[in-house]
Amino acid sequence: MINLCGLWKNTTKDGREYFSGNLGDAKVLIFTNDKKGNDKAPDFRLCLAEKTKKSTTENTSNTTENNFTDESIPF
């Protein structure tokens, strides 16, 4: 087995949990999939996002430790 990255559990403003981590120049995000009654749908979705560079003047009041704002999470 090859360890690619660590993942941290996070919570959105509306209480949903997701996992995030760093993989090279990308952010890894894992979200629970809303299967909507479809048993053949996957249980989770794996997403990659380009890392953004943090500026020293950036307001971090709504930013998680992984540099994602709650508004950037798609639920």
PDB file of N, CA and C in Angstrom:
ATOM      1  N   MET A   1       0.841  -1.165   0.000  1.00  0.00           N
ATOM      2  CA  MET A   1       0.000   0.000   0.000  1.00  0.00           C
ATOM      3  C   MET A   1       0.899   1.245   0.000  1.00  0.00           C
ATOM      4  N   ILE A   2       0.492   2.276  -0.727  1.00  0.00           N
ATOM      5  CA  ILE A   2       1.233   3.535  -0.814  1.00  0.00           C
ATOM      6  C   ILE A   2       0.426   4.631  -0.133  1.00  0.00           C
ATOM      7  N   ASN A   3       1.040   5.302   0.842  1.00  0.00           N
ATOM      8  CA  ASN A   3       0.379   6.404   1.543  1.00  0.00           C
ATOM      9  C   ASN A   3       0.544   7.678   0.710  1.00  0.00           C
ATOM     10  N   LEU A   4      -0.549   8.248   0.211  1.00  0.00           N
ATOM     11  CA  LEU A   4      -0.496   9.453  -0.617  1.00  0.00           C
ATOM     12  C   LEU A   4      -0.588  10.735   0.184  1.00  0.00           C
ATOM     13  N   CYS A   5      -1.476  10.782   1.165  1.00  0.00           N
ATOM     14  CA  CYS A   5      -1.625  11.993   1.973  1.00  0.00           C
ATOM     15  C   CYS A   5      -2.485  11.693   3.185  1.00  0.00           C
ATOM     16  N   GLY A   6      -2.412  12.578   4.151  1.00  0.00           N
ATOM     17  CA  GLY A   6      -3.287  12.506   5.305  1.00  0.00           C
ATOM     18  C   GLY A   6      -4.561  13.290   5.034  1.00  0.00           C
ATOM     19  N   LEU A   7      -5.629  12.921   5.704  1.00  0.00           N
ATOM     20  CA  LEU A   7      -6.906  13.607   5.555  1.00  0.00           C
ATOM     21  C   LEU A   7      -7.396  14.056   6.927  1.00  0.00           C
ATOM     22  N   TRP A   8      -7.996  15.228   6.965  1.00  0.00           N
ATOM     23  CA  TRP A   8      -8.547  15.781   8.190  1.00  0.00           C
ATOM     24  C   TRP A   8     -10.049  15.902   8.052  1.00  0.00           C
ATOM     25  N   LYS A   9     -10.776  15.570   9.129  1.00  0.00           N
ATOM     26  CA  LYS A   9     -12.231  15.694   9.134  1.00  0.00           C
ATOM     27  C   LYS A   9     -12.578  17.151   9.402  1.00  0.00           C
ATOM     28  N   ASN A  10     -13.465  17.699   8.594  1.00  0.00           N
ATOM     29  CA  ASN A  10     -13.937  19.075   8.720  1.00  0.00           C
ATOM     30  C   ASN A  10     -15.457  19.068   8.721  1.00  0.00           C
ATOM     31  N   THR A  11     -16.039  20.172   9.119  1.00  0.00           N
ATOM     32  CA  THR A  11     -17.491  20.317   9.146  1.00  0.00           C
ATOM     33  C   THR A  11     -17.881  21.622   8.477  1.00  0.00           C
ATOM     34  N   THR A  12     -18.885  21.565   7.595  1.00  0.00           N
ATOM     35  CA  THR A  12     -19.381  22.767   6.942  1.00  0.00           C
ATOM     36  C   THR A  12     -20.239  23.558   7.922  1.00  0.00           C
ATOM     37  N   LYS A  13     -20.617  24.770   7.537  1.00  0.00           N
ATOM     38  CA  LYS A  13     -21.484  25.606   8.383  1.00  0.00           C
ATOM     39  C   LYS A  13     -22.812  24.924   8.685  1.00  0.00           C
ATOM     40  N   ASP A  14     -23.321  24.125   7.725  1.00  0.00           N
ATOM     41  CA  ASP A  14     -24.603  23.456   7.961  1.00  0.00           C
ATOM     42  C   ASP A  14     -24.443  22.079   8.613  1.00  0.00           C
ATOM     43  N   GLY A  15     -23.244  21.756   9.103  1.00  0.00           N
ATOM     44  CA  GLY A  15     -23.039  20.558   9.901  1.00  0.00           C
ATOM     45  C   GLY A  15     -22.645  19.297   9.160  1.00  0.00           C
ATOM     46  N   ARG A  16     -22.432  19.374   7.868  1.00  0.00           N
ATOM     47  CA  ARG A  16     -22.033  18.188   7.106  1.00  0.00           C
ATOM     48  C   ARG A  16     -20.524  17.985   7.207  1.00  0.00           C
ATOM     49  N   GLU A  17     -20.114  16.730   7.340  1.00  0.00           N
ATOM     50  CA  GLU A  17     -18.694  16.419   7.459  1.00  0.00           C
ATOM     51  C   GLU A  17     -18.093  16.108   6.099  1.00  0.00           C
ATOM     52  N   TYR A  18     -16.826  16.477   5.939  1.00  0.00           N
ATOM     53  CA  TYR A  18     -16.054  16.130   4.757  1.00  0.00           C
ATOM     54  C   TYR A  18     -14.602  15.981   5.177  1.00  0.00           C
ATOM     55  N   PHE A  19     -13.778  15.407   4.313  1.00  0.00           N
ATOM     56  CA  PHE A  19     -12.364  15.215   4.597  1.00  0.00           C
ATOM     57  C   PHE A  19     -11.544  16.017   3.600  1.00  0.00           C
ATOM     58  N   SER A  20     -10.411  16.548   4.061  1.00  0.00           N
ATOM     59  CA  SER A  20      -9.537  17.300   3.158  1.00  0.00           C
ATOM     60  C   SER A  20      -8.084  17.053   3.523  1.00  0.00           C
ATOM     61  N   GLY A  21      -7.232  17.217   2.527  1.00  0.00           N
ATOM     62  CA  GLY A  21      -5.800  17.054   2.723  1.00  0.00           C
ATOM     63  C   GLY A  21      -5.041  17.644   1.552  1.00  0.00           C
ATOM     64  N   ASN A  22      -3.720  17.530   1.595  1.00  0.00           N
ATOM     65  CA  ASN A  22      -2.851  18.055   0.543  1.00  0.00           C
ATOM     66  C   ASN A  22      -2.168  16.906  -0.181  1.00  0.00           C
ATOM     67  N   LEU A  23      -2.107  17.008  -1.493  1.00  0.00           N
ATOM     68  CA  LEU A  23      -1.424  16.023  -2.323  1.00  0.00           C
ATOM     69  C   LEU A  23      -0.653  16.789  -3.385  1.00  0.00           C
ATOM     70  N   GLY A  24       0.625  17.058  -3.139  1.00  0.00           N
ATOM     71  CA  GLY A  24       1.425  17.860  -4.061  1.00  0.00           C
ATOM     72  C   GLY A  24       0.861  19.258  -4.176  1.00  0.00           C
ATOM     73  N   ASP A  25       0.557  19.687  -5.400  1.00  0.00           N
ATOM     74  CA  ASP A  25      -0.008  21.013  -5.649  1.00  0.00           C
ATOM     75  C   ASP A  25      -1.532  21.008  -5.675  1.00  0.00           C
ATOM     76  N   ALA A  26      -2.138  19.954  -5.146  1.00  0.00           N
ATOM     77  CA  ALA A  26      -3.597  19.848  -5.172  1.00  0.00           C
ATOM     78  C   ALA A  26      -4.139  19.651  -3.765  1.00  0.00           C
ATOM     79  N   LYS A  27      -5.363  20.097  -3.578  1.00  0.00           N
ATOM     80  CA  LYS A  27      -6.134  19.807  -2.376  1.00  0.00           C
ATOM     81  C   LYS A  27      -7.014  18.612  -2.689  1.00  0.00           C
ATOM     82  N   VAL A  28      -7.097  17.688  -1.761  1.00  0.00           N
ATOM     83  CA  VAL A  28      -7.958  16.518  -1.884  1.00  0.00           C
ATOM     84  C   VAL A  28      -9.178  16.759  -1.004  1.00  0.00           C
ATOM     85  N   LEU A  29     -10.352  16.530  -1.551  1.00  0.00           N
ATOM     86  CA  LEU A  29     -11.602  16.683  -0.804  1.00  0.00           C
ATOM     87  C   LEU A  29     -12.441  15.426  -1.002  1.00  0.00           C
ATOM     88  N   ILE A  30     -12.982  14.901   0.076  1.00  0.00           N
ATOM     89  CA  ILE A  30     -13.857  13.736  -0.014  1.00  0.00           C
ATOM     90  C   ILE A  30     -15.178  14.104   0.641  1.00  0.00           C
ATOM     91  N   PHE A  31     -16.252  13.953  -0.128  1.00  0.00           N
ATOM     92  CA  PHE A  31     -17.593  14.299   0.320  1.00  0.00           C
ATOM     93  C   PHE A  31     -18.483  13.058   0.309  1.00  0.00           C
ATOM     94  N   THR A  32     -19.394  12.975   1.262  1.00  0.00           N
ATOM     95  CA  THR A  32     -20.408  11.927   1.230  1.00  0.00           C
ATOM     96  C   THR A  32     -21.340  12.225   0.065  1.00  0.00           C
ATOM     97  N   ASN A  33     -21.665  11.195  -0.699  1.00  0.00           N
ATOM     98  CA  ASN A  33     -22.529  11.357  -1.856  1.00  0.00           C
ATOM     99  C   ASN A  33     -23.988  11.199  -1.444  1.00  0.00           C
ATOM    100  N   ASP A  34     -24.828  12.110  -1.854  1.00  0.00           N
ATOM    101  CA  ASP A  34     -26.263  11.986  -1.619  1.00  0.00           C
ATOM    102  C   ASP A  34     -26.800  11.017  -2.668  1.00  0.00           C
ATOM    103  N   LYS A  35     -27.013   9.801  -2.259  1.00  0.00           N
ATOM    104  CA  LYS A  35     -27.397   8.737  -3.194  1.00  0.00           C
ATOM    105  C   LYS A  35     -28.831   8.865  -3.695  1.00  0.00           C
ATOM    106  N   LYS A  36     -29.657   9.622  -3.000  1.00  0.00           N
ATOM    107  CA  LYS A  36     -31.051   9.872  -3.388  1.00  0.00           C
ATOM    108  C   LYS A  36     -31.791   8.582  -3.774  1.00  0.00           C
ATOM    109  N   GLY A  37     -31.615   7.536  -2.950  1.00  0.00           N
ATOM    110  CA  GLY A  37     -32.323   6.280  -3.193  1.00  0.00           C
ATOM    111  C   GLY A  37     -31.689   5.373  -4.223  1.00  0.00           C
ATOM    112  N   ASN A  38     -30.599   5.780  -4.845  1.00  0.00           N
ATOM    113  CA  ASN A  38     -29.941   4.961  -5.861  1.00  0.00           C
ATOM    114  C   ASN A  38     -28.844   4.123  -5.200  1.00  0.00           C
ATOM    115  N   ASP A  39     -29.124   2.846  -4.963  1.00  0.00           N
ATOM    116  CA  ASP A  39     -28.165   1.965  -4.297  1.00  0.00           C
ATOM    117  C   ASP A  39     -26.901   1.731  -5.114  1.00  0.00           C
ATOM    118  N   LYS A  40     -26.943   1.990  -6.418  1.00  0.00           N
ATOM    119  CA  LYS A  40     -25.766   1.784  -7.271  1.00  0.00           C
ATOM    120  C   LYS A  40     -24.858   3.012  -7.314  1.00  0.00           C
ATOM    121  N   ALA A  41     -25.296   4.125  -6.745  1.00  0.00           N
ATOM    122  CA  ALA A  41     -24.484   5.343  -6.713  1.00  0.00           C
ATOM    123  C   ALA A  41     -23.347   5.158  -5.708  1.00  0.00           C
ATOM    124  N   PRO A  42     -22.205   5.798  -5.951  1.00  0.00           N
ATOM    125  CA  PRO A  42     -21.091   5.672  -5.003  1.00  0.00           C
ATOM    126  C   PRO A  42     -21.423   6.313  -3.656  1.00  0.00           C
ATOM    127  N   ASP A  43     -20.760   5.835  -2.620  1.00  0.00           N
ATOM    128  CA  ASP A  43     -20.986   6.366  -1.273  1.00  0.00           C
ATOM    129  C   ASP A  43     -20.276   7.693  -1.044  1.00  0.00           C
ATOM    130  N   PHE A  44     -19.141   7.901  -1.726  1.00  0.00           N
ATOM    131  CA  PHE A  44     -18.338   9.110  -1.548  1.00  0.00           C
ATOM    132  C   PHE A  44     -17.923   9.664  -2.905  1.00  0.00           C
ATOM    133  N   ARG A  45     -17.573  10.971  -2.925  1.00  0.00           N
ATOM    134  CA  ARG A  45     -17.025  11.627  -4.110  1.00  0.00           C
ATOM    135  C   ARG A  45     -15.645  12.158  -3.749  1.00  0.00           C
ATOM    136  N   LEU A  46     -14.656  11.899  -4.589  1.00  0.00           N
ATOM    137  CA  LEU A  46     -13.296  12.395  -4.413  1.00  0.00           C
ATOM    138  C   LEU A  46     -13.083  13.537  -5.385  1.00  0.00           C
ATOM    139  N   CYS A  47     -12.690  14.710  -4.865  1.00  0.00           N
ATOM    140  CA  CYS A  47     -12.483  15.892  -5.692  1.00  0.00           C
ATOM    141  C   CYS A  47     -11.068  16.409  -5.481  1.00  0.00           C
ATOM    142  N   LEU A  48     -10.494  16.994  -6.518  1.00  0.00           N
ATOM    143  CA  LEU A  48      -9.200  17.659  -6.433  1.00  0.00           C
ATOM    144  C   LEU A  48      -9.397  19.126  -6.775  1.00  0.00           C
ATOM    145  N   ALA A  49      -8.735  19.985  -6.030  1.00  0.00           N
ATOM    146  CA  ALA A  49      -8.780  21.421  -6.291  1.00  0.00           C
ATOM    147  C   ALA A  49      -7.353  21.945  -6.275  1.00  0.00           C
ATOM    148  N   GLU A  50      -7.085  22.926  -7.121  1.00  0.00           N
ATOM    149  CA  GLU A  50      -5.767  23.542  -7.134  1.00  0.00           C
ATOM    150  C   GLU A  50      -5.560  24.308  -5.836  1.00  0.00           C
ATOM    151  N   LYS A  51      -4.372  24.159  -5.256  1.00  0.00           N
ATOM    152  CA  LYS A  51      -4.057  24.912  -4.039  1.00  0.00           C
ATOM    153  C   LYS A  51      -4.002  26.392  -4.363  1.00  0.00           C
ATOM    154  N   THR A  52      -4.472  27.195  -3.452  1.00  0.00           N
ATOM    155  CA  THR A  52      -4.348  28.643  -3.605  1.00  0.00           C
ATOM    156  C   THR A  52      -3.274  29.126  -2.646  1.00  0.00           C
ATOM    157  N   LYS A  53      -2.517  30.126  -3.080  1.00  0.00           N
ATOM    158  CA  LYS A  53      -1.479  30.675  -2.223  1.00  0.00           C
ATOM    159  C   LYS A  53      -2.105  31.651  -1.255  1.00  0.00           C
ATOM    160  N   LYS A  54      -1.737  31.533   0.007  1.00  0.00           N
ATOM    161  CA  LYS A  54      -2.262  32.386   1.051  1.00  0.00           C
ATOM    162  C   LYS A  54      -1.441  33.661   1.123  1.00  0.00           C
ATOM    163  N   SER A  55      -2.103  34.806   1.031  1.00  0.00           N
ATOM    164  CA  SER A  55      -1.390  36.069   1.180  1.00  0.00           C
ATOM    165  C   SER A  55      -1.324  36.435   2.654  1.00  0.00           C
ATOM    166  N   THR A  56      -0.375  37.259   3.020  1.00  0.00           N
ATOM    167  CA  THR A  56      -0.210  37.642   4.425  1.00  0.00           C
ATOM    168  C   THR A  56      -1.310  38.584   4.885  1.00  0.00           C
ATOM    169  N   THR A  57      -2.022  39.219   3.947  1.00  0.00           N
ATOM    170  CA  THR A  57      -3.091  40.151   4.322  1.00  0.00           C
ATOM    171  C   THR A  57      -4.469  39.525   4.198  1.00  0.00           C
ATOM    172  N   GLU A  58      -4.535  38.240   3.876  1.00  0.00           N
ATOM    173  CA  GLU A  58      -5.817  37.574   3.678  1.00  0.00           C
ATOM    174  C   GLU A  58      -6.598  37.517   4.982  1.00  0.00           C
ATOM    175  N   ASN A  59      -7.881  37.801   4.892  1.00  0.00           N
ATOM    176  CA  ASN A  59      -8.761  37.691   6.046  1.00  0.00           C
ATOM    177  C   ASN A  59      -9.108  36.223   6.219  1.00  0.00           C
ATOM    178  N   THR A  60      -8.727  35.619   7.326  1.00  0.00           N
ATOM    179  CA  THR A  60      -8.936  34.193   7.529  1.00  0.00           C
ATOM    180  C   THR A  60     -10.088  33.883   8.471  1.00  0.00           C
ATOM    181  N   SER A  61     -10.964  34.825   8.732  1.00  0.00           N
ATOM    182  CA  SER A  61     -12.043  34.581   9.688  1.00  0.00           C
ATOM    183  C   SER A  61     -13.005  33.505   9.214  1.00  0.00           C
ATOM    184  N   ASN A  62     -13.227  33.341   7.903  1.00  0.00           N
ATOM    185  CA  ASN A  62     -14.123  32.309   7.391  1.00  0.00           C
ATOM    186  C   ASN A  62     -13.357  31.215   6.657  1.00  0.00           C
ATOM    187  N   THR A  63     -12.093  31.042   6.962  1.00  0.00           N
ATOM    188  CA  THR A  63     -11.274  30.085   6.245  1.00  0.00           C
ATOM    189  C   THR A  63     -10.905  28.930   7.163  1.00  0.00           C
ATOM    190  N   THR A  64     -11.039  27.689   6.667  1.00  0.00           N
ATOM    191  CA  THR A  64     -10.642  26.530   7.450  1.00  0.00           C
ATOM    192  C   THR A  64      -9.143  26.397   7.402  1.00  0.00           C
ATOM    193  N   GLU A  65      -8.597  25.490   8.200  1.00  0.00           N
ATOM    194  CA  GLU A  65      -7.146  25.297   8.230  1.00  0.00           C
ATOM    195  C   GLU A  65      -6.602  24.810   6.899  1.00  0.00           C
ATOM    196  N   ASN A  66      -7.450  24.321   6.005  1.00  0.00           N
ATOM    197  CA  ASN A  66      -7.012  23.829   4.705  1.00  0.00           C
ATOM    198  C   ASN A  66      -7.224  24.839   3.595  1.00  0.00           C
ATOM    199  N   ASN A  67      -7.434  26.109   3.947  1.00  0.00           N
ATOM    200  CA  ASN A  67      -7.547  27.213   2.994  1.00  0.00           C
ATOM    201  C   ASN A  67      -8.778  27.118   2.102  1.00  0.00           C
ATOM    202  N   PHE A  68      -9.871  26.524   2.591  1.00  0.00           N
ATOM    203  CA  PHE A  68     -11.132  26.516   1.879  1.00  0.00           C
ATOM    204  C   PHE A  68     -12.132  27.294   2.694  1.00  0.00           C
ATOM    205  N   THR A  69     -12.821  28.229   2.059  1.00  0.00           N
ATOM    206  CA  THR A  69     -13.866  28.933   2.770  1.00  0.00           C
ATOM    207  C   THR A  69     -15.099  28.065   2.782  1.00  0.00           C
ATOM    208  N   ASP A  70     -15.945  28.261   3.764  1.00  0.00           N
ATOM    209  CA  ASP A  70     -17.179  27.492   3.831  1.00  0.00           C
ATOM    210  C   ASP A  70     -18.041  27.721   2.595  1.00  0.00           C
ATOM    211  N   GLU A  71     -17.930  28.917   1.995  1.00  0.00           N
ATOM    212  CA  GLU A  71     -18.708  29.216   0.791  1.00  0.00           C
ATOM    213  C   GLU A  71     -18.225  28.434  -0.424  1.00  0.00           C
ATOM    214  N   SER A  72     -16.976  27.924  -0.422  1.00  0.00           N
ATOM    215  CA  SER A  72     -16.457  27.195  -1.575  1.00  0.00           C
ATOM    216  C   SER A  72     -16.842  25.720  -1.544  1.00  0.00           C
ATOM    217  N   ILE A  73     -17.430  25.254  -0.450  1.00  0.00           N
ATOM    218  CA  ILE A  73     -17.837  23.867  -0.334  1.00  0.00           C
ATOM    219  C   ILE A  73     -19.208  23.720  -0.980  1.00  0.00           C
ATOM    220  N   PRO A  74     -19.359  22.737  -1.896  1.00  0.00           N
ATOM    221  CA  PRO A  74     -20.554  22.687  -2.736  1.00  0.00           C
ATOM    222  C   PRO A  74     -21.806  22.133  -2.070  1.00  0.00           C
ATOM    223  N   PHE A  75     -22.029  22.369  -0.790  1.00  0.00           N
ATOM    224  CA  PHE A  75     -23.293  22.015  -0.143  1.00  0.00           C
ATOM    225  C   PHE A  75     -23.471  22.785   1.112  1.00  0.00           C
TER     226      PHE A  75
END
